[in-house]
Amino acid sequence: MENKELELQKIRKDLKEMIARDLALEDIKPEEIGDDEILFGEGLGLDSLDAVEIVVLLQRNFGLEIKNMDQGKEIFYSINTIANFIYDNKDKVKTP
């Protein structure tokens, strides 16, 4: 259990850094993004173009694909939901 939490902690940190850097969130530092903060709409304020970019980030950095955008809405709810998706699917990673 402790290993899982350490791994999730690293995934969350990596995700926050990628999102802040690659989505050009100019006024937001990675550490300011809450683990359970809603990423889209009234939360962090991401939009559909950002969602596409996150899909690309997951493919590029974690080797994971999201084909069903309804599933994507659930996965992209917060940093925690994305981190859990990555952790739960790490055995399905496609290496480039």
N, C-alpha and C. Protein backbone atom coordinates (compact mmCIF):
# COMPACT_ATOMS: atom_id res chain seq x y z
N MET A 1 0.83 -1.21 0.00
CA MET A 1 0.00 0.00 0.00
C MET A 1 0.87 1.26 0.00
N GLU A 2 1.94 1.21 0.79
CA GLU A 2 2.83 2.38 0.88
C GLU A 2 3.49 2.66 -0.47
N ASN A 3 3.89 1.59 -1.18
CA ASN A 3 4.49 1.75 -2.51
C ASN A 3 3.53 2.41 -3.48
N LYS A 4 2.26 2.00 -3.42
CA LYS A 4 1.26 2.57 -4.32
C LYS A 4 1.15 4.07 -4.07
N GLU A 5 1.08 4.48 -2.81
CA GLU A 5 0.93 5.90 -2.50
C GLU A 5 2.16 6.69 -2.93
N LEU A 6 3.35 6.12 -2.75
CA LEU A 6 4.57 6.80 -3.21
C LEU A 6 4.57 6.96 -4.73
N GLU A 7 4.14 5.92 -5.41
CA GLU A 7 4.09 5.96 -6.87
C GLU A 7 3.05 6.98 -7.35
N LEU A 8 1.88 6.99 -6.71
CA LEU A 8 0.84 7.96 -7.06
C LEU A 8 1.32 9.38 -6.79
N GLN A 9 2.04 9.57 -5.71
CA GLN A 9 2.58 10.89 -5.37
C GLN A 9 3.51 11.39 -6.47
N LYS A 10 4.38 10.51 -6.97
CA LYS A 10 5.29 10.89 -8.05
C LYS A 10 4.52 11.19 -9.34
N ILE A 11 3.52 10.36 -9.65
CA ILE A 11 2.71 10.58 -10.86
C ILE A 11 2.00 11.94 -10.76
N ARG A 12 1.41 12.24 -9.60
CA ARG A 12 0.71 13.52 -9.42
C ARG A 12 1.68 14.69 -9.62
N LYS A 13 2.87 14.59 -9.04
CA LYS A 13 3.88 15.65 -9.19
C LYS A 13 4.24 15.83 -10.66
N ASP A 14 4.51 14.72 -11.36
CA ASP A 14 4.87 14.78 -12.78
C ASP A 14 3.73 15.39 -13.61
N LEU A 15 2.51 14.99 -13.32
CA LEU A 15 1.35 15.52 -14.05
C LEU A 15 1.23 17.03 -13.88
N LYS A 16 1.36 17.49 -12.65
CA LYS A 16 1.24 18.93 -12.38
C LYS A 16 2.32 19.70 -13.13
N GLU A 17 3.54 19.18 -13.13
CA GLU A 17 4.63 19.85 -13.84
C GLU A 17 4.36 19.88 -15.34
N MET A 18 3.89 18.76 -15.90
CA MET A 18 3.59 18.70 -17.33
C MET A 18 2.46 19.65 -17.71
N ILE A 19 1.41 19.65 -16.92
CA ILE A 19 0.26 20.49 -17.23
C ILE A 19 0.64 21.96 -17.15
N ALA A 20 1.33 22.35 -16.09
CA ALA A 20 1.73 23.75 -15.94
C ALA A 20 2.66 24.18 -17.07
N ARG A 21 3.59 23.31 -17.45
CA ARG A 21 4.58 23.65 -18.48
C ARG A 21 3.99 23.54 -19.89
N ASP A 22 3.40 22.42 -20.21
CA ASP A 22 2.99 22.14 -21.59
C ASP A 22 1.68 22.82 -21.99
N LEU A 23 0.86 23.18 -21.01
CA LEU A 23 -0.37 23.89 -21.33
C LEU A 23 -0.18 25.40 -21.16
N ALA A 24 1.05 25.80 -20.88
CA ALA A 24 1.41 27.22 -20.76
C ALA A 24 0.49 27.96 -19.79
N LEU A 25 0.33 27.38 -18.60
CA LEU A 25 -0.46 28.04 -17.56
C LEU A 25 0.45 29.07 -16.89
N GLU A 26 0.45 30.27 -17.42
CA GLU A 26 1.44 31.28 -17.07
C GLU A 26 1.43 31.68 -15.60
N ASP A 27 0.26 31.79 -15.00
CA ASP A 27 0.19 32.30 -13.63
C ASP A 27 0.09 31.19 -12.59
N ILE A 28 0.23 29.95 -13.02
CA ILE A 28 0.03 28.83 -12.10
C ILE A 28 1.30 27.99 -12.01
N LYS A 29 1.75 27.79 -10.78
CA LYS A 29 2.90 26.91 -10.52
C LYS A 29 2.36 25.50 -10.26
N PRO A 30 3.14 24.48 -10.61
CA PRO A 30 2.67 23.10 -10.41
C PRO A 30 2.16 22.84 -8.99
N GLU A 31 2.88 23.36 -7.99
CA GLU A 31 2.50 23.09 -6.60
C GLU A 31 1.20 23.80 -6.19
N GLU A 32 0.72 24.71 -7.02
CA GLU A 32 -0.54 25.41 -6.73
C GLU A 32 -1.76 24.64 -7.22
N ILE A 33 -1.53 23.59 -8.00
CA ILE A 33 -2.64 22.78 -8.52
C ILE A 33 -2.99 21.73 -7.47
N GLY A 34 -4.23 21.78 -7.00
CA GLY A 34 -4.67 20.82 -5.98
C GLY A 34 -4.91 19.44 -6.58
N ASP A 35 -4.64 18.41 -5.80
CA ASP A 35 -4.82 17.03 -6.27
C ASP A 35 -6.26 16.75 -6.67
N ASP A 36 -7.23 17.35 -5.96
CA ASP A 36 -8.64 17.11 -6.23
C ASP A 36 -9.31 18.29 -6.92
N GLU A 37 -8.53 19.29 -7.31
CA GLU A 37 -9.09 20.46 -7.98
C GLU A 37 -9.66 20.07 -9.34
N ILE A 38 -10.87 20.55 -9.63
CA ILE A 38 -11.48 20.28 -10.92
C ILE A 38 -10.63 20.98 -11.99
N LEU A 39 -10.25 20.26 -13.02
CA LEU A 39 -9.34 20.80 -14.02
C LEU A 39 -10.03 21.67 -15.07
N PHE A 40 -11.27 21.33 -15.40
CA PHE A 40 -11.96 22.04 -16.49
C PHE A 40 -13.05 22.96 -15.96
N GLY A 41 -13.42 23.94 -16.77
CA GLY A 41 -14.49 24.85 -16.40
C GLY A 41 -14.09 25.74 -15.24
N GLU A 42 -14.93 25.77 -14.21
CA GLU A 42 -14.74 26.69 -13.10
C GLU A 42 -13.54 26.34 -12.23
N GLY A 43 -13.02 25.14 -12.34
CA GLY A 43 -11.87 24.75 -11.54
C GLY A 43 -10.63 25.46 -12.02
N LEU A 44 -9.71 24.72 -12.60
CA LEU A 44 -8.46 25.28 -13.11
C LEU A 44 -8.69 26.09 -14.39
N GLY A 45 -9.81 25.84 -15.05
CA GLY A 45 -10.18 26.63 -16.22
C GLY A 45 -9.68 26.08 -17.55
N LEU A 46 -9.32 24.80 -17.58
CA LEU A 46 -8.87 24.20 -18.83
C LEU A 46 -10.06 24.05 -19.78
N ASP A 47 -9.75 23.96 -21.09
CA ASP A 47 -10.82 23.82 -22.09
C ASP A 47 -10.57 22.59 -22.96
N SER A 48 -11.38 22.43 -24.02
CA SER A 48 -11.29 21.23 -24.84
C SER A 48 -9.95 21.09 -25.56
N LEU A 49 -9.34 22.20 -25.93
CA LEU A 49 -8.00 22.12 -26.54
C LEU A 49 -6.98 21.60 -25.54
N ASP A 50 -7.13 22.01 -24.29
CA ASP A 50 -6.25 21.50 -23.24
C ASP A 50 -6.45 20.00 -23.06
N ALA A 51 -7.70 19.54 -23.18
CA ALA A 51 -7.98 18.10 -23.05
C ALA A 51 -7.24 17.31 -24.12
N VAL A 52 -7.24 17.83 -25.35
CA VAL A 52 -6.51 17.17 -26.44
C VAL A 52 -5.02 17.12 -26.11
N GLU A 53 -4.50 18.21 -25.59
CA GLU A 53 -3.08 18.27 -25.22
C GLU A 53 -2.76 17.26 -24.11
N ILE A 54 -3.68 17.11 -23.15
CA ILE A 54 -3.45 16.13 -22.08
C ILE A 54 -3.44 14.71 -22.64
N VAL A 55 -4.32 14.43 -23.61
CA VAL A 55 -4.31 13.12 -24.27
C VAL A 55 -2.94 12.86 -24.88
N VAL A 56 -2.39 13.87 -25.57
CA VAL A 56 -1.06 13.75 -26.18
C VAL A 56 0.01 13.54 -25.11
N LEU A 57 -0.08 14.28 -24.01
CA LEU A 57 0.89 14.14 -22.91
C LEU A 57 0.86 12.72 -22.33
N LEU A 58 -0.34 12.17 -22.17
CA LEU A 58 -0.44 10.82 -21.62
C LEU A 58 0.16 9.79 -22.58
N GLN A 59 -0.04 10.01 -23.88
CA GLN A 59 0.55 9.10 -24.87
C GLN A 59 2.07 9.23 -24.86
N ARG A 60 2.55 10.46 -24.91
CA ARG A 60 3.98 10.71 -25.02
C ARG A 60 4.74 10.32 -23.76
N ASN A 61 4.20 10.65 -22.59
CA ASN A 61 4.94 10.47 -21.35
C ASN A 61 4.65 9.17 -20.61
N PHE A 62 3.46 8.61 -20.84
CA PHE A 62 3.08 7.41 -20.10
C PHE A 62 2.71 6.24 -21.01
N GLY A 63 2.66 6.47 -22.33
CA GLY A 63 2.34 5.40 -23.26
C GLY A 63 0.90 4.93 -23.19
N LEU A 64 0.01 5.79 -22.69
CA LEU A 64 -1.39 5.41 -22.54
C LEU A 64 -2.26 6.15 -23.54
N GLU A 65 -3.27 5.46 -24.03
CA GLU A 65 -4.21 6.07 -24.97
C GLU A 65 -5.60 6.11 -24.35
N ILE A 66 -6.31 7.18 -24.65
CA ILE A 66 -7.71 7.30 -24.25
C ILE A 66 -8.50 7.44 -25.55
N LYS A 67 -9.26 6.40 -25.86
CA LYS A 67 -10.00 6.41 -27.12
C LYS A 67 -11.43 6.90 -26.94
N ASN A 68 -11.99 6.67 -25.77
CA ASN A 68 -13.37 7.02 -25.49
C ASN A 68 -13.41 8.35 -24.73
N MET A 69 -13.90 9.42 -25.37
CA MET A 69 -13.87 10.73 -24.72
C MET A 69 -14.85 10.83 -23.56
N ASP A 70 -15.89 9.97 -23.50
CA ASP A 70 -16.75 9.95 -22.32
C ASP A 70 -15.93 9.46 -21.12
N GLN A 71 -15.12 8.45 -21.37
CA GLN A 71 -14.21 7.96 -20.33
C GLN A 71 -13.21 9.06 -19.99
N GLY A 72 -12.77 9.79 -21.00
CA GLY A 72 -11.81 10.88 -20.80
C GLY A 72 -12.33 11.93 -19.85
N LYS A 73 -13.63 12.24 -19.93
CA LYS A 73 -14.21 13.24 -19.03
C LYS A 73 -14.07 12.82 -17.58
N GLU A 74 -14.27 11.55 -17.30
CA GLU A 74 -14.12 11.04 -15.94
C GLU A 74 -12.64 11.05 -15.53
N ILE A 75 -11.79 10.59 -16.43
CA ILE A 75 -10.36 10.51 -16.13
C ILE A 75 -9.77 11.90 -15.90
N PHE A 76 -10.18 12.88 -16.71
CA PHE A 76 -9.59 14.21 -16.65
C PHE A 76 -10.23 15.12 -15.62
N TYR A 77 -11.00 14.58 -14.70
CA TYR A 77 -11.69 15.39 -13.70
C TYR A 77 -10.70 16.15 -12.81
N SER A 78 -9.66 15.46 -12.36
CA SER A 78 -8.68 16.08 -11.45
C SER A 78 -7.32 15.39 -11.61
N ILE A 79 -6.32 15.95 -10.97
CA ILE A 79 -5.00 15.32 -10.97
C ILE A 79 -5.10 13.91 -10.39
N ASN A 80 -5.86 13.75 -9.32
CA ASN A 80 -6.00 12.43 -8.70
C ASN A 80 -6.62 11.41 -9.65
N THR A 81 -7.66 11.81 -10.40
CA THR A 81 -8.30 10.85 -11.30
C THR A 81 -7.37 10.46 -12.45
N ILE A 82 -6.57 11.41 -12.93
CA ILE A 82 -5.61 11.08 -14.00
C ILE A 82 -4.51 10.17 -13.43
N ALA A 83 -4.00 10.51 -12.25
CA ALA A 83 -2.93 9.71 -11.62
C ALA A 83 -3.41 8.28 -11.38
N ASN A 84 -4.64 8.12 -10.89
CA ASN A 84 -5.18 6.78 -10.65
C ASN A 84 -5.33 6.01 -11.95
N PHE A 85 -5.76 6.69 -13.03
CA PHE A 85 -5.86 6.04 -14.33
C PHE A 85 -4.49 5.55 -14.79
N ILE A 86 -3.48 6.40 -14.65
CA ILE A 86 -2.12 6.02 -15.07
C ILE A 86 -1.65 4.82 -14.24
N TYR A 87 -1.83 4.90 -12.93
CA TYR A 87 -1.39 3.82 -12.05
C TYR A 87 -2.11 2.51 -12.38
N ASP A 88 -3.44 2.59 -12.55
CA ASP A 88 -4.24 1.38 -12.81
C ASP A 88 -3.96 0.76 -14.18
N ASN A 89 -3.42 1.56 -15.11
CA ASN A 89 -3.20 1.07 -16.47
C ASN A 89 -1.73 0.94 -16.84
N LYS A 90 -0.85 1.04 -15.85
CA LYS A 90 0.58 1.03 -16.18
C LYS A 90 1.03 -0.29 -16.81
N ASP A 91 0.25 -1.37 -16.58
CA ASP A 91 0.60 -2.64 -17.21
C ASP A 91 0.15 -2.70 -18.68
N LYS A 92 -0.62 -1.69 -19.13
CA LYS A 92 -1.10 -1.65 -20.51
C LYS A 92 -0.29 -0.65 -21.34
N VAL A 93 0.78 -0.16 -20.79
CA VAL A 93 1.56 0.88 -21.46
C VAL A 93 2.09 0.37 -22.80
N LYS A 94 1.91 1.21 -23.81
CA LYS A 94 2.45 0.91 -25.13
C LYS A 94 3.76 1.68 -25.27
N THR A 95 4.84 0.95 -25.45
CA THR A 95 6.11 1.64 -25.62
C THR A 95 6.26 2.12 -27.04
N PRO A 96 6.71 3.37 -27.21
CA PRO A 96 6.82 3.95 -28.56
C PRO A 96 7.87 3.25 -29.41
